[in-house]
Amino acid sequence: MKKIKEYLLCFVGALFVGIGVYFFKVPNNFSTGGVSGVSIILSGYFKLSSVGIIATVINTVMLVLGFIFVGKDCSIKTVLGTFTLSCSLIVFENLFPLSKPLTDEPLLELFFAVLFPAIGSAILFNCNGSTGGTDILAMILRKYSSLNIGIALLFTDFIITLGSFLFGAKTGLLAVLGLLMKSLIVDSVIENINLSKCFLIISAEYEDINNFIKTKLKRGCTIVEVKGGFTNDDTKVLISVMNRFQAVQLRRYLKENHPTSFVIVTNSSEIIGKGFRGF
């Protein structure tokens, strides 16, 4: 079921990318990097073929690199993402032919041209997949260097983005702005997808709270013996990590049953271990 869920998320992520590329990038010639950016330049400026066909050809080459350097599991998901993106572009071209942008507001178009692909890419990266192309290059850089995904994408896509200047200075500058926005949004979305809440709870009724966390929330809890710096009393601190929905339940329970508890809640997007993400 976990694999099925991941493959379904790869499909949804790639579809988001396809919507952003076809309905907002292509009509405005926004080449914000990636295979879609190359396809827009080759299709829009050089008139070689349709965006969908060009993207399919380039992605096929990139997939070979994915199998070699990234690994089988990632490449299977990338095949799904690539196939979904290429097919969606070809289907959109036939069902919804566009001769001009949807609106006459370039900044509005740029916002959605960045938002949809950024959300889609973040979903794919979080599942260890991609839509192929320069996403594969970014994943290779992430695997063999300390670069995060946002910086890796910025590095691999910058040269391609400069190609938007072939359509004029305005289009080129908007494309560069879109690239910078994309790299920031991808990291932000990934962090929010994996966001968890870390609780540090000081309470005399720690046993009741520990029991609630274990039996009702089905989460683990660590109890640490400490000494109060102000009172000099021995006490216990409970440490527990959970998702946002469970955090709401715990806060409600503490408010209703142990209102005198001292609670520290912090956000974390990198919880590694049983019940959370692997290395």
C-alpha atoms as a PDB file:
ATOM      1  CA  MET A   1       0.000   0.000   0.000  1.00  0.00           C
ATOM      2  CA  LYS A   2       2.886   2.353   0.696  1.00  0.00           C
ATOM      3  CA  LYS A   3       4.285   1.778  -2.795  1.00  0.00           C
ATOM      4  CA  ILE A   4       0.859   2.301  -4.378  1.00  0.00           C
ATOM      5  CA  LYS A   5       0.456   5.560  -2.457  1.00  0.00           C
ATOM      6  CA  GLU A   6       3.883   6.774  -3.588  1.00  0.00           C
ATOM      7  CA  TYR A   7       3.180   5.934  -7.238  1.00  0.00           C
ATOM      8  CA  LEU A   8      -0.202   7.680  -7.027  1.00  0.00           C
ATOM      9  CA  LEU A   9       1.497  10.764  -5.588  1.00  0.00           C
ATOM     10  CA  CYS A  10       4.034  10.647  -8.441  1.00  0.00           C
ATOM     11  CA  PHE A  11       1.148  10.662 -10.925  1.00  0.00           C
ATOM     12  CA  VAL A  12      -0.554  13.617  -9.195  1.00  0.00           C
ATOM     13  CA  GLY A  13       2.720  15.543  -8.932  1.00  0.00           C
ATOM     14  CA  ALA A  14       3.524  15.068 -12.621  1.00  0.00           C
ATOM     15  CA  LEU A  15      -0.015  16.141 -13.560  1.00  0.00           C
ATOM     16  CA  PHE A  16       0.449  19.364 -11.592  1.00  0.00           C
ATOM     17  CA  VAL A  17       3.654  20.007 -13.525  1.00  0.00           C
ATOM     18  CA  GLY A  18       1.880  19.337 -16.834  1.00  0.00           C
ATOM     19  CA  ILE A  19      -0.916  21.797 -16.028  1.00  0.00           C
ATOM     20  CA  GLY A  20       1.539  24.542 -15.125  1.00  0.00           C
ATOM     21  CA  VAL A  21       3.708  23.935 -18.180  1.00  0.00           C
ATOM     22  CA  TYR A  22       0.997  23.745 -20.821  1.00  0.00           C
ATOM     23  CA  PHE A  23      -1.515  26.328 -19.625  1.00  0.00           C
ATOM     24  CA  PHE A  24       0.904  28.947 -18.292  1.00  0.00           C
ATOM     25  CA  LYS A  25       4.508  28.367 -19.388  1.00  0.00           C
ATOM     26  CA  VAL A  26       4.038  27.472 -23.051  1.00  0.00           C
ATOM     27  CA  PRO A  27       1.679  30.333 -24.071  1.00  0.00           C
ATOM     28  CA  ASN A  28       3.996  32.893 -22.438  1.00  0.00           C
ATOM     29  CA  ASN A  29       7.308  31.274 -23.535  1.00  0.00           C
ATOM     30  CA  PHE A  30       8.440  31.085 -19.903  1.00  0.00           C
ATOM     31  CA  SER A  31      11.490  28.854 -20.034  1.00  0.00           C
ATOM     32  CA  THR A  32      12.191  28.489 -16.307  1.00  0.00           C
ATOM     33  CA  GLY A  33      14.553  25.573 -16.786  1.00  0.00           C
ATOM     34  CA  GLY A  34      14.026  21.857 -17.115  1.00  0.00           C
ATOM     35  CA  VAL A  35      13.121  19.798 -20.158  1.00  0.00           C
ATOM     36  CA  SER A  36       9.912  21.796 -20.464  1.00  0.00           C
ATOM     37  CA  GLY A  37      12.043  24.932 -20.785  1.00  0.00           C
ATOM     38  CA  VAL A  38      14.166  23.411 -23.540  1.00  0.00           C
ATOM     39  CA  SER A  39      11.010  22.164 -25.266  1.00  0.00           C
ATOM     40  CA  ILE A  40       9.435  25.625 -25.135  1.00  0.00           C
ATOM     41  CA  ILE A  41      12.509  27.168 -26.767  1.00  0.00           C
ATOM     42  CA  LEU A  42      12.821  24.485 -29.464  1.00  0.00           C
ATOM     43  CA  SER A  43       9.082  24.526 -30.166  1.00  0.00           C
ATOM     44  CA  GLY A  44       8.279  28.218 -29.774  1.00  0.00           C
ATOM     45  CA  TYR A  45      11.401  29.814 -31.259  1.00  0.00           C
ATOM     46  CA  PHE A  46      12.848  27.184 -33.598  1.00  0.00           C
ATOM     47  CA  LYS A  47       9.479  25.572 -34.520  1.00  0.00           C
ATOM     48  CA  LEU A  48      10.971  22.048 -34.462  1.00  0.00           C
ATOM     49  CA  SER A  49       7.956  20.148 -33.111  1.00  0.00           C
ATOM     50  CA  SER A  50       5.309  20.208 -30.374  1.00  0.00           C
ATOM     51  CA  VAL A  51       6.332  20.707 -26.761  1.00  0.00           C
ATOM     52  CA  GLY A  52       5.019  17.264 -25.780  1.00  0.00           C
ATOM     53  CA  ILE A  53       6.989  15.361 -28.424  1.00  0.00           C
ATOM     54  CA  ILE A  54      10.247  17.242 -27.772  1.00  0.00           C
ATOM     55  CA  ALA A  55       9.905  16.678 -24.018  1.00  0.00           C
ATOM     56  CA  THR A  56       9.329  12.956 -24.570  1.00  0.00           C
ATOM     57  CA  VAL A  57      12.494  12.578 -26.655  1.00  0.00           C
ATOM     58  CA  ILE A  58      14.728  14.478 -24.228  1.00  0.00           C
ATOM     59  CA  ASN A  59      13.288  12.703 -21.183  1.00  0.00           C
ATOM     60  CA  THR A  60      14.027   9.316 -22.722  1.00  0.00           C
ATOM     61  CA  VAL A  61      17.722  10.212 -22.824  1.00  0.00           C
ATOM     62  CA  MET A  62      17.652  11.557 -19.274  1.00  0.00           C
ATOM     63  CA  LEU A  63      15.964   8.411 -17.981  1.00  0.00           C
ATOM     64  CA  VAL A  64      18.975   6.381 -19.032  1.00  0.00           C
ATOM     65  CA  LEU A  65      21.123   8.616 -16.812  1.00  0.00           C
ATOM     66  CA  GLY A  66      18.624   8.117 -13.989  1.00  0.00           C
ATOM     67  CA  PHE A  67      18.927   4.328 -14.113  1.00  0.00           C
ATOM     68  CA  ILE A  68      22.724   4.583 -14.087  1.00  0.00           C
ATOM     69  CA  PHE A  69      23.308   7.179 -11.352  1.00  0.00           C
ATOM     70  CA  VAL A  70      20.184   7.434  -9.185  1.00  0.00           C
ATOM     71  CA  GLY A  71      18.979   3.855  -8.831  1.00  0.00           C
ATOM     72  CA  LYS A  72      16.192   1.531  -9.859  1.00  0.00           C
ATOM     73  CA  ASP A  73      13.506   2.599  -7.371  1.00  0.00           C
ATOM     74  CA  CYS A  74      13.890   6.281  -8.132  1.00  0.00           C
ATOM     75  CA  SER A  75      14.007   5.657 -11.863  1.00  0.00           C
ATOM     76  CA  ILE A  76      10.770   3.621 -11.846  1.00  0.00           C
ATOM     77  CA  LYS A  77       9.001   6.547 -10.218  1.00  0.00           C
ATOM     78  CA  THR A  78      10.701   8.905 -12.629  1.00  0.00           C
ATOM     79  CA  VAL A  79       9.455   6.804 -15.565  1.00  0.00           C
ATOM     80  CA  LEU A  80       5.921   7.193 -14.197  1.00  0.00           C
ATOM     81  CA  GLY A  81       6.418  10.931 -13.688  1.00  0.00           C
ATOM     82  CA  THR A  82       7.960  11.389 -17.134  1.00  0.00           C
ATOM     83  CA  PHE A  83       5.276   9.332 -18.860  1.00  0.00           C
ATOM     84  CA  THR A  84       2.503  11.233 -17.070  1.00  0.00           C
ATOM     85  CA  LEU A  85       4.010  14.635 -17.904  1.00  0.00           C
ATOM     86  CA  SER A  86       4.661  13.819 -21.578  1.00  0.00           C
ATOM     87  CA  CYS A  87       1.205  12.290 -22.064  1.00  0.00           C
ATOM     88  CA  SER A  88      -0.531  15.159 -20.295  1.00  0.00           C
ATOM     89  CA  LEU A  89       1.196  17.699 -22.557  1.00  0.00           C
ATOM     90  CA  ILE A  90       0.208  15.796 -25.694  1.00  0.00           C
ATOM     91  CA  VAL A  91      -3.390  15.349 -24.455  1.00  0.00           C
ATOM     92  CA  PHE A  92      -3.686  19.030 -23.493  1.00  0.00           C
ATOM     93  CA  GLU A  93      -2.346  20.075 -26.904  1.00  0.00           C
ATOM     94  CA  ASN A  94      -5.128  18.133 -28.626  1.00  0.00           C
ATOM     95  CA  LEU A  95      -7.991  18.845 -26.225  1.00  0.00           C
ATOM     96  CA  PHE A  96      -7.236  22.460 -25.320  1.00  0.00           C
ATOM     97  CA  PRO A  97      -5.291  24.128 -28.157  1.00  0.00           C
ATOM     98  CA  LEU A  98      -3.959  27.526 -27.081  1.00  0.00           C
ATOM     99  CA  SER A  99      -2.929  30.321 -29.437  1.00  0.00           C
ATOM    100  CA  LYS A 100      -2.313  32.922 -26.723  1.00  0.00           C
ATOM    101  CA  PRO A 101      -2.027  33.232 -22.920  1.00  0.00           C
ATOM    102  CA  LEU A 102      -5.147  32.734 -20.813  1.00  0.00           C
ATOM    103  CA  THR A 103      -4.938  36.319 -19.508  1.00  0.00           C
ATOM    104  CA  ASP A 104      -3.167  39.551 -20.401  1.00  0.00           C
ATOM    105  CA  GLU A 105      -1.405  39.728 -17.002  1.00  0.00           C
ATOM    106  CA  PRO A 106       2.171  38.378 -17.344  1.00  0.00           C
ATOM    107  CA  LEU A 107       2.876  38.394 -13.599  1.00  0.00           C
ATOM    108  CA  LEU A 108      -0.333  36.500 -12.868  1.00  0.00           C
ATOM    109  CA  GLU A 109       0.564  33.975 -15.548  1.00  0.00           C
ATOM    110  CA  LEU A 110       4.098  33.683 -14.133  1.00  0.00           C
ATOM    111  CA  PHE A 111       2.756  33.022 -10.635  1.00  0.00           C
ATOM    112  CA  PHE A 112       0.760  29.981 -11.757  1.00  0.00           C
ATOM    113  CA  ALA A 113       3.494  28.932 -14.203  1.00  0.00           C
ATOM    114  CA  VAL A 114       5.770  28.603 -11.178  1.00  0.00           C
ATOM    115  CA  LEU A 115       3.274  27.457  -8.530  1.00  0.00           C
ATOM    116  CA  PHE A 116       1.849  24.349 -10.246  1.00  0.00           C
ATOM    117  CA  PRO A 117       5.221  22.875 -11.378  1.00  0.00           C
ATOM    118  CA  ALA A 118       6.847  23.745  -8.044  1.00  0.00           C
ATOM    119  CA  ILE A 119       4.152  21.930  -6.044  1.00  0.00           C
ATOM    120  CA  GLY A 120       4.270  18.988  -8.446  1.00  0.00           C
ATOM    121  CA  SER A 121       8.071  18.771  -8.312  1.00  0.00           C
ATOM    122  CA  ALA A 122       8.038  18.947  -4.513  1.00  0.00           C
ATOM    123  CA  ILE A 123       5.539  16.070  -4.305  1.00  0.00           C
ATOM    124  CA  LEU A 124       7.683  14.023  -6.683  1.00  0.00           C
ATOM    125  CA  PHE A 125      10.958  14.766  -4.893  1.00  0.00           C
ATOM    126  CA  ASN A 126       9.366  13.866  -1.564  1.00  0.00           C
ATOM    127  CA  CYS A 127       8.524  10.431  -3.030  1.00  0.00           C
ATOM    128  CA  ASN A 128      12.062  10.138  -4.431  1.00  0.00           C
ATOM    129  CA  GLY A 129      10.800  10.609  -7.985  1.00  0.00           C
ATOM    130  CA  SER A 130      10.805  13.305 -10.648  1.00  0.00           C
ATOM    131  CA  THR A 131       9.487  14.241 -14.073  1.00  0.00           C
ATOM    132  CA  GLY A 132      12.823  13.404 -15.647  1.00  0.00           C
ATOM    133  CA  GLY A 133      15.016  15.864 -17.488  1.00  0.00           C
ATOM    134  CA  THR A 134      17.012  18.284 -15.376  1.00  0.00           C
ATOM    135  CA  ASP A 135      15.130  16.991 -12.319  1.00  0.00           C
ATOM    136  CA  ILE A 136      17.284  13.883 -12.713  1.00  0.00           C
ATOM    137  CA  LEU A 137      20.408  16.033 -12.865  1.00  0.00           C
ATOM    138  CA  ALA A 138      19.280  17.797  -9.676  1.00  0.00           C
ATOM    139  CA  MET A 139      18.702  14.446  -7.955  1.00  0.00           C
ATOM    140  CA  ILE A 140      22.170  13.270  -8.993  1.00  0.00           C
ATOM    141  CA  LEU A 141      23.662  16.454  -7.532  1.00  0.00           C
ATOM    142  CA  ARG A 142      21.685  15.923  -4.306  1.00  0.00           C
ATOM    143  CA  LYS A 143      22.918  12.329  -4.051  1.00  0.00           C
ATOM    144  CA  TYR A 144      26.597  13.074  -4.644  1.00  0.00           C
ATOM    145  CA  SER A 145      26.886  16.524  -3.019  1.00  0.00           C
ATOM    146  CA  SER A 146      25.614  18.545  -0.063  1.00  0.00           C
ATOM    147  CA  LEU A 147      23.366  20.735  -2.229  1.00  0.00           C
ATOM    148  CA  ASN A 148      19.655  20.835  -1.360  1.00  0.00           C
ATOM    149  CA  ILE A 149      17.033  20.396  -4.069  1.00  0.00           C
ATOM    150  CA  GLY A 150      16.313  24.115  -4.466  1.00  0.00           C
ATOM    151  CA  ILE A 151      19.952  25.057  -5.076  1.00  0.00           C
ATOM    152  CA  ALA A 152      20.485  22.013  -7.303  1.00  0.00           C
ATOM    153  CA  LEU A 153      17.529  22.988  -9.487  1.00  0.00           C
ATOM    154  CA  LEU A 154      18.716  26.599  -9.616  1.00  0.00           C
ATOM    155  CA  PHE A 155      22.140  25.438 -10.735  1.00  0.00           C
ATOM    156  CA  THR A 156      20.917  23.045 -13.448  1.00  0.00           C
ATOM    157  CA  ASP A 157      18.151  25.282 -14.805  1.00  0.00           C
ATOM    158  CA  PHE A 158      19.811  28.699 -14.933  1.00  0.00           C
ATOM    159  CA  ILE A 159      21.427  28.280 -18.350  1.00  0.00           C
ATOM    160  CA  ILE A 160      18.186  27.014 -19.877  1.00  0.00           C
ATOM    161  CA  THR A 161      16.275  29.947 -18.421  1.00  0.00           C
ATOM    162  CA  LEU A 162      18.542  32.384 -20.256  1.00  0.00           C
ATOM    163  CA  GLY A 163      17.055  30.996 -23.490  1.00  0.00           C
ATOM    164  CA  SER A 164      13.836  32.896 -22.718  1.00  0.00           C
ATOM    165  CA  PHE A 165      15.629  36.075 -23.759  1.00  0.00           C
ATOM    166  CA  LEU A 166      15.226  34.805 -27.343  1.00  0.00           C
ATOM    167  CA  PHE A 167      11.568  35.842 -26.979  1.00  0.00           C
ATOM    168  CA  GLY A 168      12.458  39.332 -25.720  1.00  0.00           C
ATOM    169  CA  ALA A 169      13.871  41.024 -22.642  1.00  0.00           C
ATOM    170  CA  LYS A 170      10.516  41.131 -20.811  1.00  0.00           C
ATOM    171  CA  THR A 171       9.916  37.398 -21.246  1.00  0.00           C
ATOM    172  CA  GLY A 172      13.512  36.634 -20.287  1.00  0.00           C
ATOM    173  CA  LEU A 173      13.424  38.690 -17.096  1.00  0.00           C
ATOM    174  CA  LEU A 174      10.095  37.156 -16.077  1.00  0.00           C
ATOM    175  CA  ALA A 175      11.542  33.687 -16.672  1.00  0.00           C
ATOM    176  CA  VAL A 176      14.576  34.443 -14.468  1.00  0.00           C
ATOM    177  CA  LEU A 177      12.216  35.692 -11.742  1.00  0.00           C
ATOM    178  CA  GLY A 178      10.150  32.520 -12.124  1.00  0.00           C
ATOM    179  CA  LEU A 179      13.234  30.333 -11.732  1.00  0.00           C
ATOM    180  CA  LEU A 180      14.175  32.026  -8.463  1.00  0.00           C
ATOM    181  CA  MET A 181      10.610  31.666  -7.193  1.00  0.00           C
ATOM    182  CA  LYS A 182      10.515  27.992  -8.182  1.00  0.00           C
ATOM    183  CA  SER A 183      13.660  27.061  -6.240  1.00  0.00           C
ATOM    184  CA  LEU A 184      12.282  28.693  -3.088  1.00  0.00           C
ATOM    185  CA  ILE A 185       8.779  27.242  -3.387  1.00  0.00           C
ATOM    186  CA  VAL A 186      10.019  23.672  -3.958  1.00  0.00           C
ATOM    187  CA  ASP A 187      12.005  23.635  -0.698  1.00  0.00           C
ATOM    188  CA  SER A 188       9.142  25.317   1.172  1.00  0.00           C
ATOM    189  CA  VAL A 189       6.559  22.794  -0.041  1.00  0.00           C
ATOM    190  CA  ILE A 190       8.819  19.825   0.782  1.00  0.00           C
ATOM    191  CA  GLU A 191       9.330  21.143   4.314  1.00  0.00           C
ATOM    192  CA  ASN A 192       5.591  21.622   4.841  1.00  0.00           C
ATOM    193  CA  ILE A 193       4.777  18.149   3.493  1.00  0.00           C
ATOM    194  CA  ASN A 194       7.130  16.594   6.053  1.00  0.00           C
ATOM    195  CA  LEU A 195       6.347  19.017   8.874  1.00  0.00           C
ATOM    196  CA  SER A 196       6.045  17.401  12.296  1.00  0.00           C
ATOM    197  CA  LYS A 197       5.549  18.784  15.802  1.00  0.00           C
ATOM    198  CA  CYS A 198       8.026  18.138  18.603  1.00  0.00           C
ATOM    199  CA  PHE A 199       6.614  18.407  22.159  1.00  0.00           C
ATOM    200  CA  LEU A 200       8.577  18.974  25.378  1.00  0.00           C
ATOM    201  CA  ILE A 201       6.126  18.693  28.283  1.00  0.00           C
ATOM    202  CA  ILE A 202       6.809  19.353  31.967  1.00  0.00           C
ATOM    203  CA  SER A 203       4.006  18.181  34.233  1.00  0.00           C
ATOM    204  CA  ALA A 204       3.523  16.429  37.560  1.00  0.00           C
ATOM    205  CA  GLU A 205       0.911  14.239  35.844  1.00  0.00           C
ATOM    206  CA  TYR A 206       3.398  12.988  33.276  1.00  0.00           C
ATOM    207  CA  GLU A 207       2.185   9.374  33.568  1.00  0.00           C
ATOM    208  CA  ASP A 208      -1.344  10.302  32.429  1.00  0.00           C
ATOM    209  CA  ILE A 209       0.031  12.342  29.538  1.00  0.00           C
ATOM    210  CA  ASN A 210       2.395   9.542  28.542  1.00  0.00           C
ATOM    211  CA  ASN A 211      -0.495   7.067  28.582  1.00  0.00           C
ATOM    212  CA  PHE A 212      -2.613   9.345  26.358  1.00  0.00           C
ATOM    213  CA  ILE A 213       0.219   9.713  23.833  1.00  0.00           C
ATOM    214  CA  LYS A 214       0.822   5.957  23.694  1.00  0.00           C
ATOM    215  CA  THR A 215      -2.760   4.667  23.714  1.00  0.00           C
ATOM    216  CA  LYS A 216      -4.763   7.408  21.983  1.00  0.00           C
ATOM    217  CA  LEU A 217      -2.240   8.951  19.595  1.00  0.00           C
ATOM    218  CA  LYS A 218      -0.247   5.729  19.023  1.00  0.00           C
ATOM    219  CA  ARG A 219       3.024   7.596  19.349  1.00  0.00           C
ATOM    220  CA  GLY A 220       6.152   6.941  21.344  1.00  0.00           C
ATOM    221  CA  CYS A 221       7.278   9.119  24.220  1.00  0.00           C
ATOM    222  CA  THR A 222      10.620   9.586  25.967  1.00  0.00           C
ATOM    223  CA  ILE A 223      10.702  10.494  29.672  1.00  0.00           C
ATOM    224  CA  VAL A 224      13.776  12.330  30.921  1.00  0.00           C
ATOM    225  CA  GLU A 225      14.617  13.055  34.563  1.00  0.00           C
ATOM    226  CA  VAL A 226      15.632  16.697  35.099  1.00  0.00           C
ATOM    227  CA  LYS A 227      16.114  19.210  37.913  1.00  0.00           C
ATOM    228  CA  GLY A 228      14.337  22.560  37.876  1.00  0.00           C
ATOM    229  CA  GLY A 229      16.780  25.467  37.768  1.00  0.00           C
ATOM    230  CA  PHE A 230      14.444  27.789  39.671  1.00  0.00           C
ATOM    231  CA  THR A 231      12.748  25.409  42.140  1.00  0.00           C
ATOM    232  CA  ASN A 232      15.642  22.932  42.359  1.00  0.00           C
ATOM    233  CA  ASP A 233      13.008  20.154  42.342  1.00  0.00           C
ATOM    234  CA  ASP A 234      13.389  16.846  40.550  1.00  0.00           C
ATOM    235  CA  THR A 235      10.850  16.472  37.777  1.00  0.00           C
ATOM    236  CA  LYS A 236      10.183  14.702  34.479  1.00  0.00           C
ATOM    237  CA  VAL A 237      10.148  15.986  30.893  1.00  0.00           C
ATOM    238  CA  LEU A 238       8.204  14.138  28.199  1.00  0.00           C
ATOM    239  CA  ILE A 239       9.517  14.320  24.647  1.00  0.00           C
ATOM    240  CA  SER A 240       7.323  13.216  21.766  1.00  0.00           C
ATOM    241  CA  VAL A 241       7.108  13.838  18.027  1.00  0.00           C
ATOM    242  CA  MET A 242       3.914  13.562  15.957  1.00  0.00           C
ATOM    243  CA  ASN A 243       2.113  14.876  12.902  1.00  0.00           C
ATOM    244  CA  ARG A 244       0.063  18.077  12.916  1.00  0.00           C
ATOM    245  CA  PHE A 245      -3.314  16.355  13.361  1.00  0.00           C
ATOM    246  CA  GLN A 246      -2.065  14.439  16.412  1.00  0.00           C
ATOM    247  CA  ALA A 247      -0.509  17.642  17.762  1.00  0.00           C
ATOM    248  CA  VAL A 248      -3.916  19.339  17.742  1.00  0.00           C
ATOM    249  CA  GLN A 249      -5.379  16.412  19.712  1.00  0.00           C
ATOM    250  CA  LEU A 250      -2.566  16.531  22.287  1.00  0.00           C
ATOM    251  CA  ARG A 251      -2.893  20.278  22.796  1.00  0.00           C
ATOM    252  CA  ARG A 252      -6.644  19.922  23.295  1.00  0.00           C
ATOM    253  CA  TYR A 253      -6.093  17.091  25.813  1.00  0.00           C
ATOM    254  CA  LEU A 254      -3.524  19.103  27.773  1.00  0.00           C
ATOM    255  CA  LYS A 255      -5.764  22.171  27.818  1.00  0.00           C
ATOM    256  CA  GLU A 256      -8.750  20.208  29.117  1.00  0.00           C
ATOM    257  CA  ASN A 257      -7.005  17.837  31.548  1.00  0.00           C
ATOM    258  CA  HIS A 258      -3.625  19.317  32.496  1.00  0.00           C
ATOM    259  CA  PRO A 259      -3.849  23.097  32.014  1.00  0.00           C
ATOM    260  CA  THR A 260      -0.899  23.791  34.356  1.00  0.00           C
ATOM    261  CA  SER A 261       1.531  21.840  32.153  1.00  0.00           C
ATOM    262  CA  PHE A 262       4.518  23.686  30.737  1.00  0.00           C
ATOM    263  CA  VAL A 263       4.698  22.870  27.012  1.00  0.00           C
ATOM    264  CA  ILE A 264       7.227  23.728  24.309  1.00  0.00           C
ATOM    265  CA  VAL A 265       6.184  22.977  20.716  1.00  0.00           C
ATOM    266  CA  THR A 266       8.632  23.208  17.826  1.00  0.00           C
ATOM    267  CA  ASN A 267       8.386  22.465  14.091  1.00  0.00           C
ATOM    268  CA  SER A 268      10.632  19.979  12.340  1.00  0.00           C
ATOM    269  CA  SER A 269      10.713  18.762   8.741  1.00  0.00           C
ATOM    270  CA  GLU A 270      13.486  16.216   9.307  1.00  0.00           C
ATOM    271  CA  ILE A 271      12.303  13.480  11.675  1.00  0.00           C
ATOM    272  CA  ILE A 272      14.144  10.264  10.848  1.00  0.00           C
ATOM    273  CA  GLY A 273      13.349   6.912  12.433  1.00  0.00           C
ATOM    274  CA  LYS A 274      10.570   4.406  13.050  1.00  0.00           C
ATOM    275  CA  GLY A 275       7.161   5.860  12.280  1.00  0.00           C
ATOM    276  CA  PHE A 276       8.663   8.678  10.234  1.00  0.00           C
ATOM    277  CA  ARG A 277      11.107   8.962   7.344  1.00  0.00           C
ATOM    278  CA  GLY A 278      14.078   6.713   6.641  1.00  0.00           C
ATOM    279  CA  PHE A 279      17.584   7.900   5.861  1.00  0.00           C
END
